[in-house]
Amino acid sequence: METSKLVPKNAGSAPLNGAEDAVAPKYYWLKRILRDRIAQLNPGDAIPSESELCQAYEISRTTVRKAIGDLIQEGLVYTMQGKGAFVAPRKLLSAWAQKTAGLFADMTERGFKVSMLVLHKALVLPEETVRGELRLAVGETVLRLVRLRFVDGKPFDIVTNFIPVRLFPGIENEDFEHYSLYAILRGKYGAHFERGVRLVEAGACSPEEARLLKVKAQSPILITHSTMYDDLGQPVEYGIGHQRGDAAQIVINVIPG
């Protein structure tokens, strides 16, 4: 890629957008230029080298490294030893965090192909945390379902769901590799999801999770804890999802108060 395609050589001498950029550090407006350029490129495309950026914008190597470092932290760029910096794969927007449809329906609706592999399926006595989330009596069993989910053939997350057997008898016999959990609960059992509560936190992959998600051990992940309620206010499903941090984003709508 030719550096001259980014902006004119003297672009480093003038701010981008008026007074705001006039007082901003040089790395700030360089980062904005690169961010705009990255939006026009494809994942895996190379960005100009440090020396090319220094020459094109008449700035120091320290400034360039700061800008690129910030872009790496934002997940827009990654580096390869001895080869330079490249455009990172696009992250999938997890708008399902605000919907009761579930990831399968949301991603499919947006044109992505979702597939699933069941890692574990068994009737168990839930631990206290799960029992509390589902308001179960002592001794009530749940289906514990663990799946590895793929989006367009790439590992996306590992999700563990707990479903009360009392509400969904025979649920352990369903086909969870070809049909989504929520589709089964709605279509076969007539469940009506009224609302859900999701808690999102940051975490790190265990060695086993890293192997399944095809990332390095201790790589960042998004951990979601979800409880879904029906139209009677009864909790009907509790789930824990571990999403690849390099492949997912969460969108949150902010409503003025």
Protein backbone atom coordinates (compact mmCIF):
# COMPACT_ATOMS: atom_id res chain seq x y z
CA MET A 1 0.00 0.00 0.00
CA GLU A 2 1.40 3.40 -0.95
CA THR A 3 1.62 5.86 1.91
CA SER A 4 0.78 8.70 -0.48
CA LYS A 5 -2.76 7.33 -0.72
CA LEU A 6 -3.42 8.18 2.93
CA VAL A 7 -3.15 11.99 2.84
CA PRO A 8 -0.82 14.60 1.35
CA LYS A 9 2.73 14.63 2.70
CA ASN A 10 2.20 17.93 4.52
CA ALA A 11 -0.92 16.72 6.34
CA GLY A 12 1.01 16.56 9.58
CA SER A 13 1.31 20.32 9.70
CA ALA A 14 -2.42 21.04 9.98
CA PRO A 15 -5.22 19.86 12.33
CA LEU A 16 -8.03 17.68 11.06
CA ASN A 17 -11.11 19.29 12.51
CA GLY A 18 -10.56 22.78 13.79
CA ALA A 19 -9.84 23.86 17.35
CA GLU A 20 -10.29 20.41 18.88
CA ASP A 21 -7.40 18.95 16.90
CA ALA A 22 -5.30 22.11 17.02
CA VAL A 23 -4.55 21.46 20.69
CA ALA A 24 -4.58 17.64 20.52
CA PRO A 25 -1.34 15.61 20.70
CA LYS A 26 0.06 14.59 17.32
CA TYR A 27 -0.57 10.91 17.98
CA TYR A 28 -4.27 11.73 18.45
CA TRP A 29 -4.86 13.08 14.96
CA LEU A 30 -2.58 10.46 13.42
CA LYS A 31 -4.73 7.82 15.11
CA ARG A 32 -7.85 9.45 13.62
CA ILE A 33 -6.33 9.46 10.13
CA LEU A 34 -5.37 5.81 10.42
CA ARG A 35 -8.73 4.84 11.89
CA ASP A 36 -10.54 6.43 8.93
CA ARG A 37 -8.20 4.69 6.50
CA ILE A 38 -8.59 1.32 8.23
CA ALA A 39 -12.37 1.57 7.75
CA GLN A 40 -11.75 1.46 3.98
CA LEU A 41 -9.42 -1.55 4.08
CA ASN A 42 -9.97 -5.27 4.49
CA PRO A 43 -8.89 -7.44 7.44
CA GLY A 44 -5.30 -8.53 6.93
CA ASP A 45 -4.32 -5.51 4.81
CA ALA A 46 -1.02 -3.94 5.86
CA ILE A 47 -0.85 -0.37 7.11
CA PRO A 48 2.22 1.81 6.43
CA SER A 49 5.38 1.07 8.38
CA GLU A 50 6.61 3.29 11.21
CA SER A 51 9.28 4.81 8.98
CA GLU A 52 6.76 5.52 6.20
CA LEU A 53 4.40 7.25 8.64
CA CYS A 54 7.24 9.26 10.17
CA GLN A 55 8.28 10.50 6.73
CA ALA A 56 4.77 11.12 5.42
CA TYR A 57 3.61 13.13 8.44
CA GLU A 58 6.95 14.55 9.58
CA ILE A 59 6.51 13.20 13.09
CA SER A 60 8.62 11.16 15.48
CA ARG A 61 8.70 7.39 15.78
CA THR A 62 7.48 7.75 19.39
CA THR A 63 4.34 9.51 18.13
CA VAL A 64 3.69 6.81 15.53
CA ARG A 65 4.15 4.01 18.06
CA LYS A 66 1.73 5.68 20.48
CA ALA A 67 -0.96 5.99 17.78
CA ILE A 68 -0.53 2.41 16.60
CA GLY A 69 -0.44 1.15 20.19
CA ASP A 70 -3.81 2.79 20.85
CA LEU A 71 -5.27 1.21 17.70
CA ILE A 72 -4.05 -2.19 18.87
CA GLN A 73 -5.78 -1.63 22.23
CA GLU A 74 -8.98 -0.73 20.35
CA GLY A 75 -8.79 -4.01 18.45
CA LEU A 76 -8.42 -2.32 15.04
CA VAL A 77 -4.82 -3.34 14.35
CA TYR A 78 -2.54 -6.26 15.17
CA THR A 79 1.20 -6.68 14.64
CA MET A 80 3.39 -9.55 13.43
CA GLN A 81 7.01 -9.72 14.52
CA GLY A 82 9.24 -8.53 11.70
CA LYS A 83 6.35 -7.98 9.29
CA GLY A 84 4.56 -4.85 10.50
CA ALA A 85 1.01 -3.89 11.43
CA PHE A 86 -2.18 -5.14 9.82
CA VAL A 87 -5.92 -4.45 9.89
CA ALA A 88 -7.59 -6.68 12.50
CA PRO A 89 -10.67 -8.83 11.72
CA ARG A 90 -13.96 -7.01 12.21
CA LYS A 91 -15.71 -7.63 15.52
CA LEU A 92 -19.27 -8.92 15.55
CA LEU A 93 -21.69 -6.55 17.23
CA SER A 94 -23.59 -8.40 19.93
CA ALA A 95 -26.86 -6.52 19.60
CA TRP A 96 -28.48 -9.68 21.00
CA ALA A 97 -27.42 -8.35 24.39
CA GLN A 98 -30.58 -6.22 24.20
CA LYS A 99 -32.91 -8.75 22.63
CA THR A 100 -34.77 -11.85 23.78
CA ALA A 101 -34.23 -13.55 20.41
CA GLY A 102 -30.80 -14.92 21.28
CA LEU A 103 -27.52 -14.92 19.40
CA PHE A 104 -28.57 -17.59 16.87
CA ALA A 105 -31.60 -15.66 15.63
CA ASP A 106 -29.85 -12.28 15.68
CA MET A 107 -26.77 -13.41 13.76
CA THR A 108 -28.82 -15.43 11.26
CA GLU A 109 -31.07 -12.45 10.63
CA ARG A 110 -27.99 -10.36 9.84
CA GLY A 111 -26.72 -12.87 7.29
CA PHE A 112 -24.18 -14.82 9.35
CA LYS A 113 -24.12 -18.62 9.45
CA VAL A 114 -24.29 -19.98 13.00
CA SER A 115 -23.42 -23.58 13.85
CA MET A 116 -23.14 -25.35 17.21
CA LEU A 117 -21.32 -28.25 18.79
CA VAL A 118 -22.70 -29.77 22.00
CA LEU A 119 -19.85 -30.30 24.46
CA HIS A 120 -21.94 -31.49 27.42
CA LYS A 121 -25.60 -32.27 28.09
CA ALA A 122 -26.88 -33.76 31.36
CA LEU A 123 -29.56 -33.52 34.03
CA VAL A 124 -27.95 -32.25 37.22
CA LEU A 125 -28.70 -30.79 40.61
CA PRO A 126 -27.70 -27.13 40.19
CA GLU A 127 -25.30 -25.30 42.45
CA GLU A 128 -26.65 -22.63 44.77
CA THR A 129 -26.02 -19.69 42.39
CA VAL A 130 -27.98 -21.31 39.58
CA ARG A 131 -30.75 -22.44 41.92
CA GLY A 132 -31.09 -18.89 43.18
CA GLU A 133 -31.22 -17.37 39.69
CA LEU A 134 -33.94 -19.81 38.62
CA ARG A 135 -35.78 -19.74 41.99
CA LEU A 136 -35.67 -23.50 42.28
CA ALA A 137 -36.48 -25.60 45.31
CA VAL A 138 -33.79 -27.81 46.79
CA GLY A 139 -33.71 -31.08 44.87
CA GLU A 140 -35.07 -29.69 41.58
CA THR A 141 -33.05 -30.73 38.54
CA VAL A 142 -31.97 -28.71 35.53
CA LEU A 143 -30.58 -29.49 32.12
CA ARG A 144 -26.96 -28.33 31.99
CA LEU A 145 -26.15 -27.67 28.34
CA VAL A 146 -22.68 -26.60 27.16
CA ARG A 147 -22.14 -25.65 23.51
CA LEU A 148 -19.36 -24.25 21.38
CA ARG A 149 -20.90 -21.85 18.88
CA PHE A 150 -19.40 -20.82 15.54
CA VAL A 151 -20.16 -17.77 13.41
CA ASP A 152 -19.28 -18.22 9.74
CA GLY A 153 -17.23 -21.27 10.68
CA LYS A 154 -15.08 -19.55 13.31
CA PRO A 155 -15.35 -20.27 17.05
CA PHE A 156 -17.26 -17.42 18.67
CA ASP A 157 -18.24 -18.41 22.19
CA ILE A 158 -18.77 -21.18 24.71
CA VAL A 159 -22.19 -20.96 26.32
CA THR A 160 -23.54 -22.91 29.29
CA ASN A 161 -27.32 -22.93 29.81
CA PHE A 162 -29.37 -24.17 32.74
CA ILE A 163 -33.03 -25.01 32.04
CA PRO A 164 -35.52 -26.16 34.73
CA VAL A 165 -36.76 -29.64 33.86
CA ARG A 166 -40.00 -28.98 35.76
CA LEU A 167 -40.92 -26.29 33.22
CA PHE A 168 -39.61 -28.13 30.17
CA PRO A 169 -40.01 -31.92 30.64
CA GLY A 170 -37.98 -33.97 28.18
CA ILE A 171 -35.81 -31.01 27.22
CA GLU A 172 -32.70 -33.21 27.50
CA ASN A 173 -33.80 -35.15 24.40
CA GLU A 174 -33.82 -32.18 22.03
CA ASP A 175 -31.39 -31.58 19.17
CA PHE A 176 -29.29 -28.60 20.23
CA GLU A 177 -26.76 -28.87 17.41
CA HIS A 178 -29.25 -28.08 14.64
CA TYR A 179 -31.80 -25.94 16.47
CA SER A 180 -31.31 -22.98 18.77
CA LEU A 181 -32.23 -23.31 22.43
CA TYR A 182 -34.66 -20.39 22.37
CA ALA A 183 -36.35 -21.67 19.21
CA ILE A 184 -36.98 -25.02 20.93
CA LEU A 185 -38.27 -23.40 24.13
CA ARG A 186 -40.59 -21.16 22.14
CA GLY A 187 -41.67 -23.54 19.39
CA LYS A 188 -42.13 -26.81 21.30
CA TYR A 189 -42.84 -25.64 24.83
CA GLY A 190 -44.61 -22.33 24.12
CA ALA A 191 -42.27 -20.26 26.28
CA HIS A 192 -42.84 -16.51 26.12
CA PHE A 193 -39.71 -14.50 26.93
CA GLU A 194 -40.81 -11.17 28.36
CA ARG A 195 -37.47 -9.77 29.50
CA GLY A 196 -33.93 -10.67 30.49
CA VAL A 197 -31.12 -9.43 32.69
CA ARG A 198 -27.54 -9.67 31.45
CA LEU A 199 -24.35 -8.90 33.34
CA VAL A 200 -21.21 -8.47 31.24
CA GLU A 201 -17.67 -8.60 32.63
CA ALA A 202 -14.15 -9.05 31.34
CA GLY A 203 -12.15 -12.21 31.89
CA ALA A 204 -9.34 -14.37 30.54
CA CYS A 205 -9.47 -17.71 28.73
CA SER A 206 -8.58 -20.87 30.57
CA PRO A 207 -6.29 -23.26 28.65
CA GLU A 208 -9.27 -25.45 27.69
CA GLU A 209 -11.39 -22.49 26.57
CA ALA A 210 -8.43 -21.17 24.57
CA ARG A 211 -8.13 -24.53 22.82
CA LEU A 212 -11.80 -24.56 21.87
CA LEU A 213 -11.94 -20.91 20.81
CA LYS A 214 -8.59 -21.18 18.98
CA VAL A 215 -6.95 -18.30 20.83
CA LYS A 216 -3.98 -18.06 23.16
CA ALA A 217 -4.42 -18.99 26.83
CA GLN A 218 -5.27 -15.97 28.99
CA SER A 219 -6.64 -14.11 25.94
CA PRO A 220 -9.37 -11.61 26.88
CA ILE A 221 -12.98 -12.79 26.79
CA LEU A 222 -16.37 -11.23 27.46
CA ILE A 223 -18.31 -13.14 30.11
CA THR A 224 -22.09 -12.74 30.13
CA HIS A 225 -24.44 -13.95 32.86
CA SER A 226 -28.04 -14.01 31.61
CA THR A 227 -31.37 -14.76 33.25
CA MET A 228 -34.47 -14.86 31.06
CA TYR A 229 -38.01 -14.36 32.41
CA ASP A 230 -41.38 -15.28 30.93
CA ASP A 231 -44.51 -13.14 30.77
CA LEU A 232 -45.43 -14.23 34.31
CA GLY A 233 -42.13 -12.96 35.70
CA GLN A 234 -40.83 -16.49 36.25
CA PRO A 235 -37.14 -17.20 35.45
CA VAL A 236 -37.01 -19.88 32.75
CA GLU A 237 -33.34 -20.01 31.72
CA TYR A 238 -29.97 -19.02 33.10
CA GLY A 239 -26.85 -18.91 30.95
CA ILE A 240 -23.16 -18.07 31.10
CA GLY A 241 -21.39 -17.18 27.87
CA HIS A 242 -17.66 -16.82 27.23
CA GLN A 243 -17.14 -14.79 24.05
CA ARG A 244 -13.86 -14.18 22.28
CA GLY A 245 -12.80 -10.65 23.13
CA ASP A 246 -11.18 -10.21 19.73
CA ALA A 247 -14.36 -11.12 17.88
CA ALA A 248 -17.23 -9.51 19.77
CA GLN A 249 -18.55 -6.15 20.84
CA ILE A 250 -21.52 -5.32 23.06
CA VAL A 251 -23.84 -2.46 22.13
CA ILE A 252 -25.78 -0.67 24.87
CA ASN A 253 -28.54 1.85 24.23
CA VAL A 254 -28.44 4.81 26.62
CA ILE A 255 -31.80 6.39 27.41
CA PRO A 256 -31.85 9.95 28.81
CA GLY A 257 -33.09 10.00 32.40
